[in-house]
Each structure stands twice: as C-alpha cells, then as structure tokens.
Amino acid sequence: MPVIEISTLDDPRLADFAHLTDVALKKSTGSEHGLYIAESLLVLQRAIAAGHRPRSVLALGASVGEAVEATAGFDVPIFSGPPHLLEELTGYLLHRGLIASMHRPQLPAAEDLLREARRVVILENVADPTNVGAIFRSVAAIGADAVLVTPRCSDPFYRRAIRVSMGTVLQVPWTRVGDWASVRALLGASGFSIAALALSDDSVDLKTFATTAPERVALVLGAEGEGLTPEAIAAADTIVRIPMAHGIDSLNVAATAAVAMYALV
C-alpha cells in the first residue's frame, strides 16, 4: 500500500495511535486478540520476524522508507505527516521514527512451550511493566527457553514492557498460566523442578543449587516488595537464595532474574 500523507486526523484508521491505553488496545475491535504498539524500527522488525502481523504504521521523515521496507509483503497503510500533527495524534514526539499497530497473536499452550524447554522463568504477580520488560531482556540474552506469567502479572505486550525489553518479549516464547496447583501439575508432568527465588531459613545458596541443578528447572520470581506468595513457596521443590553483602536483603527482580539465569545456563 502506498504511503498516506495526512494533513488532518480524520482518517479512522489513525485511531490505533490516538492516546489509547494498553488495555484499550487489547480490547480493540477488528482484531481477533487485540492490538499492541511496537515502537521503533527494531521492535517492528522483531515483531514481524516473530510472525506478528502489522495493522498500520505511523512514520516520520526518513523512517517512512524504513517502514515501507520492513512491511514489504503486508497490505498495511503507512501514514506520515508533519511532526506537530503526529505529536497531536499520539501525545508525544516520534523520536524513535515510527510506531506500528500490531495484531496480538494467540498465546501458545504452556504444554507446547515446555515440550523442548530446559530453563523456564515464571513471573508471579510482577505488576510493573518496566520490570517485566527488563526481565525479558535479561533472560532472552542469557538463554531462557520460555517465560510463564501468572494472572496478576503485568502484560508483556504492554508498550512500556516491549520498549524496555528492546522487543525481546516478541522473541522469547511466553504464555499465561493459572493457579499454582495447575502450574505445579503442569511442570511436574513435563519433568521440571521448581526453584523459587526467596529468602527463607531452608533456602539453598544459588551457587550450590547450580552445581547439581536438575536438567529442567523453572525459576520463580515474585513482585518487588511483596516477594513470592505462600502458594508459590509451597509449590516449589527448592527455595534458592542469592547471597547478599553489606546488609542488603535483595536485588531488583530483573537483576535477580539475570543472576539466577546466568548461574544455571
């Protein structure tokens, strides 16, 4: 589709970019599973490489040509216009050059993700999308095979999570899971040992755990401040701690994910 130069904001196809919240995008009509926003050429490319379909693109200046190239093979409108008009539409300056409205894919079944996996990360109730994005970036770089998120965990497809992750939430397979009884049954049937990162009297030092770690391990990380729920602790086969110095009792959850994954790969 040719580039559409806009001089007004009347085109209804621009609505995807008009100050919509992540929740509103997820409920957008005209898409089976809702939408999410990909910011920057890099994230758009990673989304397409992951098999996600763009619905439309908003590009500024030199980024127009990049948007055309990135979406070759897709019949999607690419909108462009003066910076002040695009800023009025989105509420901010497109300093990353382009943003794209993307169709959310159907989430895979957890059983399918676990079939060939060896190292899995479970995020329990991590509500801050910045932390979710940072965790995905860390575990993607170090080598997690999949990420499972509990019902109260922030959506990895939220804009801030995608941005902080540098698009890695589009690369690392992930899905949502249910309560801990079903999660424990699922992981047990797939041959996983559950290792919960927490401080407790019966916890095992991470280095010690890593030397004899089972072939398949699911690392469980909890929310900042609250930590893991009693249900998560009870479901775990092993409680693992990262030793601290200088009186510090814990790391940021994203840092914890990186340290723990590095020890286990």
C-alpha atoms as a PDB file:
ATOM      1  CA  MET A   1       0.000   0.000   0.000  1.00  0.00           C
ATOM      2  CA  PRO A   2       1.366   3.473  -0.838  1.00  0.00           C
ATOM      3  CA  VAL A   3       2.395   5.917   1.870  1.00  0.00           C
ATOM      4  CA  ILE A   4      -0.523   8.076   3.005  1.00  0.00           C
ATOM      5  CA  GLU A   5       0.388  11.699   3.697  1.00  0.00           C
ATOM      6  CA  ILE A   6      -2.034  13.144   6.221  1.00  0.00           C
ATOM      7  CA  SER A   7      -2.961  16.770   6.795  1.00  0.00           C
ATOM      8  CA  THR A   8      -5.822  16.081   9.223  1.00  0.00           C
ATOM      9  CA  LEU A   9      -6.562  13.425  11.805  1.00  0.00           C
ATOM     10  CA  ASP A  10      -9.923  12.438  10.355  1.00  0.00           C
ATOM     11  CA  ASP A  11      -8.932   9.017   8.991  1.00  0.00           C
ATOM     12  CA  PRO A  12     -10.499   6.419  11.351  1.00  0.00           C
ATOM     13  CA  ARG A  13      -7.517   4.113  10.779  1.00  0.00           C
ATOM     14  CA  LEU A  14      -5.430   6.544  12.848  1.00  0.00           C
ATOM     15  CA  ALA A  15      -7.442   5.678  15.960  1.00  0.00           C
ATOM     16  CA  ASP A  16      -4.930   2.981  16.986  1.00  0.00           C
ATOM     17  CA  PHE A  17      -2.374   5.709  17.689  1.00  0.00           C
ATOM     18  CA  ALA A  18      -4.664   8.235  19.392  1.00  0.00           C
ATOM     19  CA  HIS A  19      -3.792   8.195  23.102  1.00  0.00           C
ATOM     20  CA  LEU A  20      -5.151   4.669  23.600  1.00  0.00           C
ATOM     21  CA  THR A  21      -4.154   2.830  26.741  1.00  0.00           C
ATOM     22  CA  ASP A  22      -2.686  -0.656  26.592  1.00  0.00           C
ATOM     23  CA  VAL A  23      -5.951  -2.022  27.962  1.00  0.00           C
ATOM     24  CA  ALA A  24      -7.966  -0.252  25.263  1.00  0.00           C
ATOM     25  CA  LEU A  25      -5.646  -1.566  22.563  1.00  0.00           C
ATOM     26  CA  LYS A  26      -6.033  -5.091  23.891  1.00  0.00           C
ATOM     27  CA  LYS A  27      -9.806  -4.734  23.528  1.00  0.00           C
ATOM     28  CA  SER A  28      -9.682  -3.105  20.079  1.00  0.00           C
ATOM     29  CA  THR A  29     -12.238  -4.256  17.566  1.00  0.00           C
ATOM     30  CA  GLY A  30     -11.254  -5.569  14.166  1.00  0.00           C
ATOM     31  CA  SER A  31      -8.550  -7.825  15.620  1.00  0.00           C
ATOM     32  CA  GLU A  32      -9.158 -11.307  16.984  1.00  0.00           C
ATOM     33  CA  HIS A  33      -6.883 -11.000  20.009  1.00  0.00           C
ATOM     34  CA  GLY A  34      -6.486  -7.217  20.252  1.00  0.00           C
ATOM     35  CA  LEU A  35      -3.566  -4.962  19.400  1.00  0.00           C
ATOM     36  CA  TYR A  36      -0.279  -3.747  20.807  1.00  0.00           C
ATOM     37  CA  ILE A  37       2.065  -0.920  19.824  1.00  0.00           C
ATOM     38  CA  ALA A  38       5.582  -1.545  18.509  1.00  0.00           C
ATOM     39  CA  GLU A  39       7.851   1.477  18.898  1.00  0.00           C
ATOM     40  CA  SER A  40      10.932   1.830  16.675  1.00  0.00           C
ATOM     41  CA  LEU A  41      12.107   0.056  13.547  1.00  0.00           C
ATOM     42  CA  LEU A  42      13.979  -2.561  15.603  1.00  0.00           C
ATOM     43  CA  VAL A  43      10.882  -3.614  17.527  1.00  0.00           C
ATOM     44  CA  LEU A  44       8.780  -3.663  14.349  1.00  0.00           C
ATOM     45  CA  GLN A  45      11.339  -5.901  12.658  1.00  0.00           C
ATOM     46  CA  ARG A  46      11.459  -8.242  15.642  1.00  0.00           C
ATOM     47  CA  ALA A  47       7.677  -8.405  15.760  1.00  0.00           C
ATOM     48  CA  ILE A  48       7.445  -9.320  12.082  1.00  0.00           C
ATOM     49  CA  ALA A  49      10.272 -11.840  12.442  1.00  0.00           C
ATOM     50  CA  ALA A  50       8.254 -13.457  15.242  1.00  0.00           C
ATOM     51  CA  GLY A  51       5.317 -13.859  12.857  1.00  0.00           C
ATOM     52  CA  HIS A  52       3.194 -10.965  14.137  1.00  0.00           C
ATOM     53  CA  ARG A  53       1.093  -9.000  11.643  1.00  0.00           C
ATOM     54  CA  PRO A  54       1.114  -5.187  11.451  1.00  0.00           C
ATOM     55  CA  ARG A  55      -2.215  -3.366  11.076  1.00  0.00           C
ATOM     56  CA  SER A  56      -0.843   0.096  10.331  1.00  0.00           C
ATOM     57  CA  VAL A  57       2.304   2.179  10.723  1.00  0.00           C
ATOM     58  CA  LEU A  58       2.894   5.813  11.626  1.00  0.00           C
ATOM     59  CA  ALA A  59       6.266   7.082  10.401  1.00  0.00           C
ATOM     60  CA  LEU A  60       8.150  10.344  10.429  1.00  0.00           C
ATOM     61  CA  GLY A  61      10.601  11.670   7.852  1.00  0.00           C
ATOM     62  CA  ALA A  62      13.408   9.291   6.955  1.00  0.00           C
ATOM     63  CA  SER A  63      11.670   6.462   8.790  1.00  0.00           C
ATOM     64  CA  VAL A  64       8.999   6.260   6.092  1.00  0.00           C
ATOM     65  CA  GLY A  65      11.285   4.346   3.744  1.00  0.00           C
ATOM     66  CA  GLU A  66      12.318   2.019   6.577  1.00  0.00           C
ATOM     67  CA  ALA A  67       8.669   1.350   7.370  1.00  0.00           C
ATOM     68  CA  VAL A  68       7.939   0.537   3.725  1.00  0.00           C
ATOM     69  CA  GLU A  69      10.852  -1.897   3.589  1.00  0.00           C
ATOM     70  CA  ALA A  70      10.034  -3.530   6.927  1.00  0.00           C
ATOM     71  CA  THR A  71       6.400  -4.173   5.998  1.00  0.00           C
ATOM     72  CA  ALA A  72       7.031  -5.381   2.458  1.00  0.00           C
ATOM     73  CA  GLY A  73       4.607  -8.212   1.773  1.00  0.00           C
ATOM     74  CA  PHE A  74       1.919  -6.795   4.071  1.00  0.00           C
ATOM     75  CA  ASP A  75      -1.003  -4.757   2.760  1.00  0.00           C
ATOM     76  CA  VAL A  76      -0.975  -2.166   5.554  1.00  0.00           C
ATOM     77  CA  PRO A  77      -1.318   1.629   5.448  1.00  0.00           C
ATOM     78  CA  ILE A  78       1.787   3.651   6.292  1.00  0.00           C
ATOM     79  CA  PHE A  79       0.840   7.106   7.486  1.00  0.00           C
ATOM     80  CA  SER A  80       3.156  10.090   7.540  1.00  0.00           C
ATOM     81  CA  GLY A  81       2.760  13.797   8.119  1.00  0.00           C
ATOM     82  CA  PRO A  82       4.275  16.863   9.759  1.00  0.00           C
ATOM     83  CA  PRO A  83       5.807  16.267  13.213  1.00  0.00           C
ATOM     84  CA  HIS A  84       3.387  18.561  15.024  1.00  0.00           C
ATOM     85  CA  LEU A  85       0.372  16.693  13.616  1.00  0.00           C
ATOM     86  CA  LEU A  86       1.745  13.276  14.549  1.00  0.00           C
ATOM     87  CA  GLU A  87       2.557  14.586  18.020  1.00  0.00           C
ATOM     88  CA  GLU A  88      -1.012  15.829  18.360  1.00  0.00           C
ATOM     89  CA  LEU A  89      -2.269  12.390  17.388  1.00  0.00           C
ATOM     90  CA  THR A  90      -0.047  10.322  19.679  1.00  0.00           C
ATOM     91  CA  GLY A  91       0.593  12.753  22.507  1.00  0.00           C
ATOM     92  CA  TYR A  92       4.364  12.643  22.114  1.00  0.00           C
ATOM     93  CA  LEU A  93       7.122  13.299  19.587  1.00  0.00           C
ATOM     94  CA  LEU A  94       8.042  10.289  17.471  1.00  0.00           C
ATOM     95  CA  HIS A  95      11.700  10.417  18.431  1.00  0.00           C
ATOM     96  CA  ARG A  96      12.041   6.729  17.542  1.00  0.00           C
ATOM     97  CA  GLY A  97      10.945   7.479  13.983  1.00  0.00           C
ATOM     98  CA  LEU A  98       7.964   5.163  13.726  1.00  0.00           C
ATOM     99  CA  ILE A  99       5.370   3.231  15.663  1.00  0.00           C
ATOM    100  CA  ALA A 100       3.256   0.369  14.426  1.00  0.00           C
ATOM    101  CA  SER A 101      -0.097  -1.026  15.434  1.00  0.00           C
ATOM    102  CA  MET A 102       0.324  -4.808  15.633  1.00  0.00           C
ATOM    103  CA  HIS A 103      -2.151  -7.662  15.894  1.00  0.00           C
ATOM    104  CA  ARG A 104      -1.674  -9.585  19.121  1.00  0.00           C
ATOM    105  CA  PRO A 105      -1.012 -13.250  18.397  1.00  0.00           C
ATOM    106  CA  GLN A 106      -2.880 -16.039  20.115  1.00  0.00           C
ATOM    107  CA  LEU A 107      -0.879 -17.143  23.141  1.00  0.00           C
ATOM    108  CA  PRO A 108       0.525 -20.663  22.853  1.00  0.00           C
ATOM    109  CA  ALA A 109      -0.392 -23.513  25.173  1.00  0.00           C
ATOM    110  CA  ALA A 110       2.022 -23.857  28.085  1.00  0.00           C
ATOM    111  CA  GLU A 111       2.431 -27.556  27.307  1.00  0.00           C
ATOM    112  CA  ASP A 112       3.786 -26.678  23.872  1.00  0.00           C
ATOM    113  CA  LEU A 113       6.327 -24.223  25.313  1.00  0.00           C
ATOM    114  CA  LEU A 114       7.578 -26.730  27.849  1.00  0.00           C
ATOM    115  CA  ARG A 115       7.986 -29.648  25.473  1.00  0.00           C
ATOM    116  CA  GLU A 116      11.525 -28.771  24.350  1.00  0.00           C
ATOM    117  CA  ALA A 117      12.425 -26.297  27.101  1.00  0.00           C
ATOM    118  CA  ARG A 118      15.142 -26.773  29.732  1.00  0.00           C
ATOM    119  CA  ARG A 119      15.200 -23.417  31.518  1.00  0.00           C
ATOM    120  CA  VAL A 120      11.923 -21.588  32.187  1.00  0.00           C
ATOM    121  CA  VAL A 121      11.207 -18.391  34.125  1.00  0.00           C
ATOM    122  CA  ILE A 122       7.890 -17.892  35.936  1.00  0.00           C
ATOM    123  CA  LEU A 123       6.823 -14.356  36.853  1.00  0.00           C
ATOM    124  CA  GLU A 124       4.391 -14.265  39.742  1.00  0.00           C
ATOM    125  CA  ASN A 125       2.442 -11.023  40.123  1.00  0.00           C
ATOM    126  CA  VAL A 126       5.202  -8.763  38.750  1.00  0.00           C
ATOM    127  CA  ALA A 127       2.970  -5.752  38.225  1.00  0.00           C
ATOM    128  CA  ASP A 128       5.464  -3.176  36.943  1.00  0.00           C
ATOM    129  CA  PRO A 129       5.764  -3.417  33.131  1.00  0.00           C
ATOM    130  CA  THR A 130       9.262  -1.915  33.368  1.00  0.00           C
ATOM    131  CA  ASN A 131      10.387  -4.865  35.455  1.00  0.00           C
ATOM    132  CA  VAL A 132       8.642  -7.309  33.134  1.00  0.00           C
ATOM    133  CA  GLY A 133      10.427  -5.811  30.133  1.00  0.00           C
ATOM    134  CA  ALA A 134      13.795  -5.799  31.888  1.00  0.00           C
ATOM    135  CA  ILE A 135      13.367  -9.445  32.899  1.00  0.00           C
ATOM    136  CA  PHE A 136      12.575 -10.470  29.339  1.00  0.00           C
ATOM    137  CA  ARG A 137      15.630  -8.616  28.054  1.00  0.00           C
ATOM    138  CA  SER A 138      17.889 -10.297  30.606  1.00  0.00           C
ATOM    139  CA  VAL A 139      16.606 -13.831  30.215  1.00  0.00           C
ATOM    140  CA  ALA A 140      16.466 -13.522  26.425  1.00  0.00           C
ATOM    141  CA  ALA A 141      20.118 -12.534  26.323  1.00  0.00           C
ATOM    142  CA  ILE A 142      21.223 -15.229  28.760  1.00  0.00           C
ATOM    143  CA  GLY A 143      19.107 -18.055  27.463  1.00  0.00           C
ATOM    144  CA  ALA A 144      15.640 -18.758  28.892  1.00  0.00           C
ATOM    145  CA  ASP A 145      13.603 -21.077  26.687  1.00  0.00           C
ATOM    146  CA  ALA A 146      10.223 -19.709  27.788  1.00  0.00           C
ATOM    147  CA  VAL A 147       8.513 -17.388  30.265  1.00  0.00           C
ATOM    148  CA  LEU A 148       5.277 -18.159  32.085  1.00  0.00           C
ATOM    149  CA  VAL A 149       3.296 -15.318  33.697  1.00  0.00           C
ATOM    150  CA  THR A 150       0.614 -15.626  36.353  1.00  0.00           C
ATOM    151  CA  PRO A 151      -2.825 -13.989  36.048  1.00  0.00           C
ATOM    152  CA  ARG A 152      -1.872 -10.905  38.091  1.00  0.00           C
ATOM    153  CA  CYS A 153       1.407 -10.300  36.273  1.00  0.00           C
ATOM    154  CA  SER A 154       1.634  -7.246  34.002  1.00  0.00           C
ATOM    155  CA  ASP A 155       1.065  -7.949  30.313  1.00  0.00           C
ATOM    156  CA  PRO A 156       4.372  -8.396  28.437  1.00  0.00           C
ATOM    157  CA  PHE A 157       2.710  -6.828  25.373  1.00  0.00           C
ATOM    158  CA  TYR A 158       2.168  -3.523  27.182  1.00  0.00           C
ATOM    159  CA  ARG A 159       4.016  -0.710  25.468  1.00  0.00           C
ATOM    160  CA  ARG A 160       6.481   0.005  28.259  1.00  0.00           C
ATOM    161  CA  ALA A 161       7.337  -3.673  28.698  1.00  0.00           C
ATOM    162  CA  ILE A 162       8.046  -4.027  24.978  1.00  0.00           C
ATOM    163  CA  ARG A 163      10.110  -0.839  24.923  1.00  0.00           C
ATOM    164  CA  VAL A 164      12.219  -1.724  27.973  1.00  0.00           C
ATOM    165  CA  SER A 165      12.744  -5.244  26.664  1.00  0.00           C
ATOM    166  CA  MET A 166      14.023  -3.885  23.329  1.00  0.00           C
ATOM    167  CA  GLY A 167      11.453  -6.116  21.670  1.00  0.00           C
ATOM    168  CA  THR A 168      12.652  -9.339  23.278  1.00  0.00           C
ATOM    169  CA  VAL A 169       9.135 -10.043  24.601  1.00  0.00           C
ATOM    170  CA  LEU A 170       8.421 -10.743  20.932  1.00  0.00           C
ATOM    171  CA  GLN A 171      11.271 -13.258  20.728  1.00  0.00           C
ATOM    172  CA  VAL A 172      11.132 -15.304  23.926  1.00  0.00           C
ATOM    173  CA  PRO A 173       8.074 -17.609  23.882  1.00  0.00           C
ATOM    174  CA  TRP A 174       5.667 -16.845  26.714  1.00  0.00           C
ATOM    175  CA  THR A 175       2.137 -17.506  27.847  1.00  0.00           C
ATOM    176  CA  ARG A 176      -0.149 -17.138  30.852  1.00  0.00           C
ATOM    177  CA  VAL A 177      -0.785 -19.867  33.371  1.00  0.00           C
ATOM    178  CA  GLY A 178      -3.385 -20.390  36.087  1.00  0.00           C
ATOM    179  CA  ASP A 179      -3.250 -21.156  39.800  1.00  0.00           C
ATOM    180  CA  TRP A 180      -0.310 -22.844  41.469  1.00  0.00           C
ATOM    181  CA  ALA A 181      -1.973 -26.233  41.739  1.00  0.00           C
ATOM    182  CA  SER A 182      -2.360 -26.412  37.969  1.00  0.00           C
ATOM    183  CA  VAL A 183       1.101 -24.898  37.361  1.00  0.00           C
ATOM    184  CA  ARG A 184       2.797 -27.438  39.630  1.00  0.00           C
ATOM    185  CA  ALA A 185       0.935 -30.294  37.938  1.00  0.00           C
ATOM    186  CA  LEU A 186       1.867 -28.968  34.511  1.00  0.00           C
ATOM    187  CA  LEU A 187       5.554 -28.546  35.342  1.00  0.00           C
ATOM    188  CA  GLY A 188       5.735 -31.884  37.112  1.00  0.00           C
ATOM    189  CA  ALA A 189       4.216 -33.673  34.127  1.00  0.00           C
ATOM    190  CA  SER A 190       6.851 -32.034  31.921  1.00  0.00           C
ATOM    191  CA  GLY A 191       9.722 -33.097  34.187  1.00  0.00           C
ATOM    192  CA  PHE A 192      10.532 -29.677  35.668  1.00  0.00           C
ATOM    193  CA  SER A 193      11.888 -28.946  39.116  1.00  0.00           C
ATOM    194  CA  ILE A 194      10.550 -25.668  40.541  1.00  0.00           C
ATOM    195  CA  ALA A 195      13.127 -23.348  42.128  1.00  0.00           C
ATOM    196  CA  ALA A 196      11.696 -20.312  43.905  1.00  0.00           C
ATOM    197  CA  LEU A 197      13.959 -17.295  44.479  1.00  0.00           C
ATOM    198  CA  ALA A 198      13.248 -16.229  48.056  1.00  0.00           C
ATOM    199  CA  LEU A 199      14.764 -15.680  51.483  1.00  0.00           C
ATOM    200  CA  SER A 200      13.952 -18.446  53.937  1.00  0.00           C
ATOM    201  CA  ASP A 201      15.674 -20.448  56.635  1.00  0.00           C
ATOM    202  CA  ASP A 202      15.746 -23.563  54.472  1.00  0.00           C
ATOM    203  CA  SER A 203      16.908 -21.859  51.267  1.00  0.00           C
ATOM    204  CA  VAL A 204      19.855 -23.133  49.237  1.00  0.00           C
ATOM    205  CA  ASP A 205      22.686 -20.919  48.012  1.00  0.00           C
ATOM    206  CA  LEU A 206      22.367 -20.300  44.264  1.00  0.00           C
ATOM    207  CA  LYS A 207      25.920 -21.491  43.572  1.00  0.00           C
ATOM    208  CA  THR A 208      25.249 -24.720  45.436  1.00  0.00           C
ATOM    209  CA  PHE A 209      21.980 -25.268  43.621  1.00  0.00           C
ATOM    210  CA  ALA A 210      23.584 -24.585  40.242  1.00  0.00           C
ATOM    211  CA  THR A 211      26.255 -27.258  40.699  1.00  0.00           C
ATOM    212  CA  THR A 212      23.641 -30.008  40.935  1.00  0.00           C
ATOM    213  CA  ALA A 213      20.684 -28.393  39.171  1.00  0.00           C
ATOM    214  CA  PRO A 214      18.195 -30.769  37.527  1.00  0.00           C
ATOM    215  CA  GLU A 215      18.063 -30.992  33.767  1.00  0.00           C
ATOM    216  CA  ARG A 216      14.846 -28.989  33.672  1.00  0.00           C
ATOM    217  CA  VAL A 217      14.380 -26.032  36.024  1.00  0.00           C
ATOM    218  CA  ALA A 218      11.611 -23.462  36.356  1.00  0.00           C
ATOM    219  CA  LEU A 219      12.779 -20.334  38.202  1.00  0.00           C
ATOM    220  CA  VAL A 220      10.043 -18.467  40.044  1.00  0.00           C
ATOM    221  CA  LEU A 221      10.369 -14.717  40.611  1.00  0.00           C
ATOM    222  CA  GLY A 222       7.997 -12.591  42.665  1.00  0.00           C
ATOM    223  CA  ALA A 223       6.867  -8.983  42.782  1.00  0.00           C
ATOM    224  CA  GLU A 224       9.040  -6.179  44.112  1.00  0.00           C
ATOM    225  CA  GLY A 225       8.430  -5.649  47.804  1.00  0.00           C
ATOM    226  CA  GLU A 226       5.887  -8.413  48.359  1.00  0.00           C
ATOM    227  CA  GLY A 227       8.041 -11.243  47.056  1.00  0.00           C
ATOM    228  CA  LEU A 228       6.560 -14.640  46.335  1.00  0.00           C
ATOM    229  CA  THR A 229       3.191 -15.694  47.702  1.00  0.00           C
ATOM    230  CA  PRO A 230       2.922 -18.579  50.195  1.00  0.00           C
ATOM    231  CA  GLU A 231       1.307 -20.621  47.412  1.00  0.00           C
ATOM    232  CA  ALA A 232       4.369 -20.184  45.199  1.00  0.00           C
ATOM    233  CA  ILE A 233       6.703 -21.129  48.026  1.00  0.00           C
ATOM    234  CA  ALA A 234       4.632 -24.213  48.812  1.00  0.00           C
ATOM    235  CA  ALA A 235       4.649 -25.285  45.146  1.00  0.00           C
ATOM    236  CA  ALA A 236       8.444 -25.091  44.882  1.00  0.00           C
ATOM    237  CA  ASP A 237      10.739 -28.098  45.090  1.00  0.00           C
ATOM    238  CA  THR A 238      13.648 -25.909  46.221  1.00  0.00           C
ATOM    239  CA  ILE A 239      13.964 -22.429  47.700  1.00  0.00           C
ATOM    240  CA  VAL A 240      17.035 -20.673  46.319  1.00  0.00           C
ATOM    241  CA  ARG A 241      18.726 -17.513  47.594  1.00  0.00           C
ATOM    242  CA  ILE A 242      21.358 -15.195  46.177  1.00  0.00           C
ATOM    243  CA  PRO A 243      23.830 -14.340  48.971  1.00  0.00           C
ATOM    244  CA  MET A 244      23.941 -10.625  49.804  1.00  0.00           C
ATOM    245  CA  ALA A 245      26.621  -8.371  51.242  1.00  0.00           C
ATOM    246  CA  HIS A 246      26.662  -5.016  53.082  1.00  0.00           C
ATOM    247  CA  GLY A 247      23.347  -5.699  54.802  1.00  0.00           C
ATOM    248  CA  ILE A 248      21.367  -5.690  51.547  1.00  0.00           C
ATOM    249  CA  ASP A 249      18.477  -8.149  51.641  1.00  0.00           C
ATOM    250  CA  SER A 250      17.522  -8.414  47.973  1.00  0.00           C
ATOM    251  CA  LEU A 251      18.106  -7.348  44.375  1.00  0.00           C
ATOM    252  CA  ASN A 252      15.742  -5.771  41.910  1.00  0.00           C
ATOM    253  CA  VAL A 253      13.658  -8.586  40.406  1.00  0.00           C
ATOM    254  CA  ALA A 254      15.129  -8.053  36.924  1.00  0.00           C
ATOM    255  CA  ALA A 255      18.672  -8.247  38.325  1.00  0.00           C
ATOM    256  CA  THR A 256      17.701 -11.377  40.226  1.00  0.00           C
ATOM    257  CA  ALA A 257      16.439 -12.969  37.022  1.00  0.00           C
ATOM    258  CA  ALA A 258      19.700 -12.202  35.228  1.00  0.00           C
ATOM    259  CA  VAL A 259      21.932 -13.500  38.032  1.00  0.00           C
ATOM    260  CA  ALA A 260      19.928 -16.684  38.534  1.00  0.00           C
ATOM    261  CA  MET A 261      19.687 -17.483  34.832  1.00  0.00           C
ATOM    262  CA  TYR A 262      23.401 -16.866  34.323  1.00  0.00           C
ATOM    263  CA  ALA A 263      24.209 -19.305  37.116  1.00  0.00           C
ATOM    264  CA  LEU A 264      22.042 -22.014  35.558  1.00  0.00           C
ATOM    265  CA  VAL A 265      22.801 -21.851  31.819  1.00  0.00           C
END
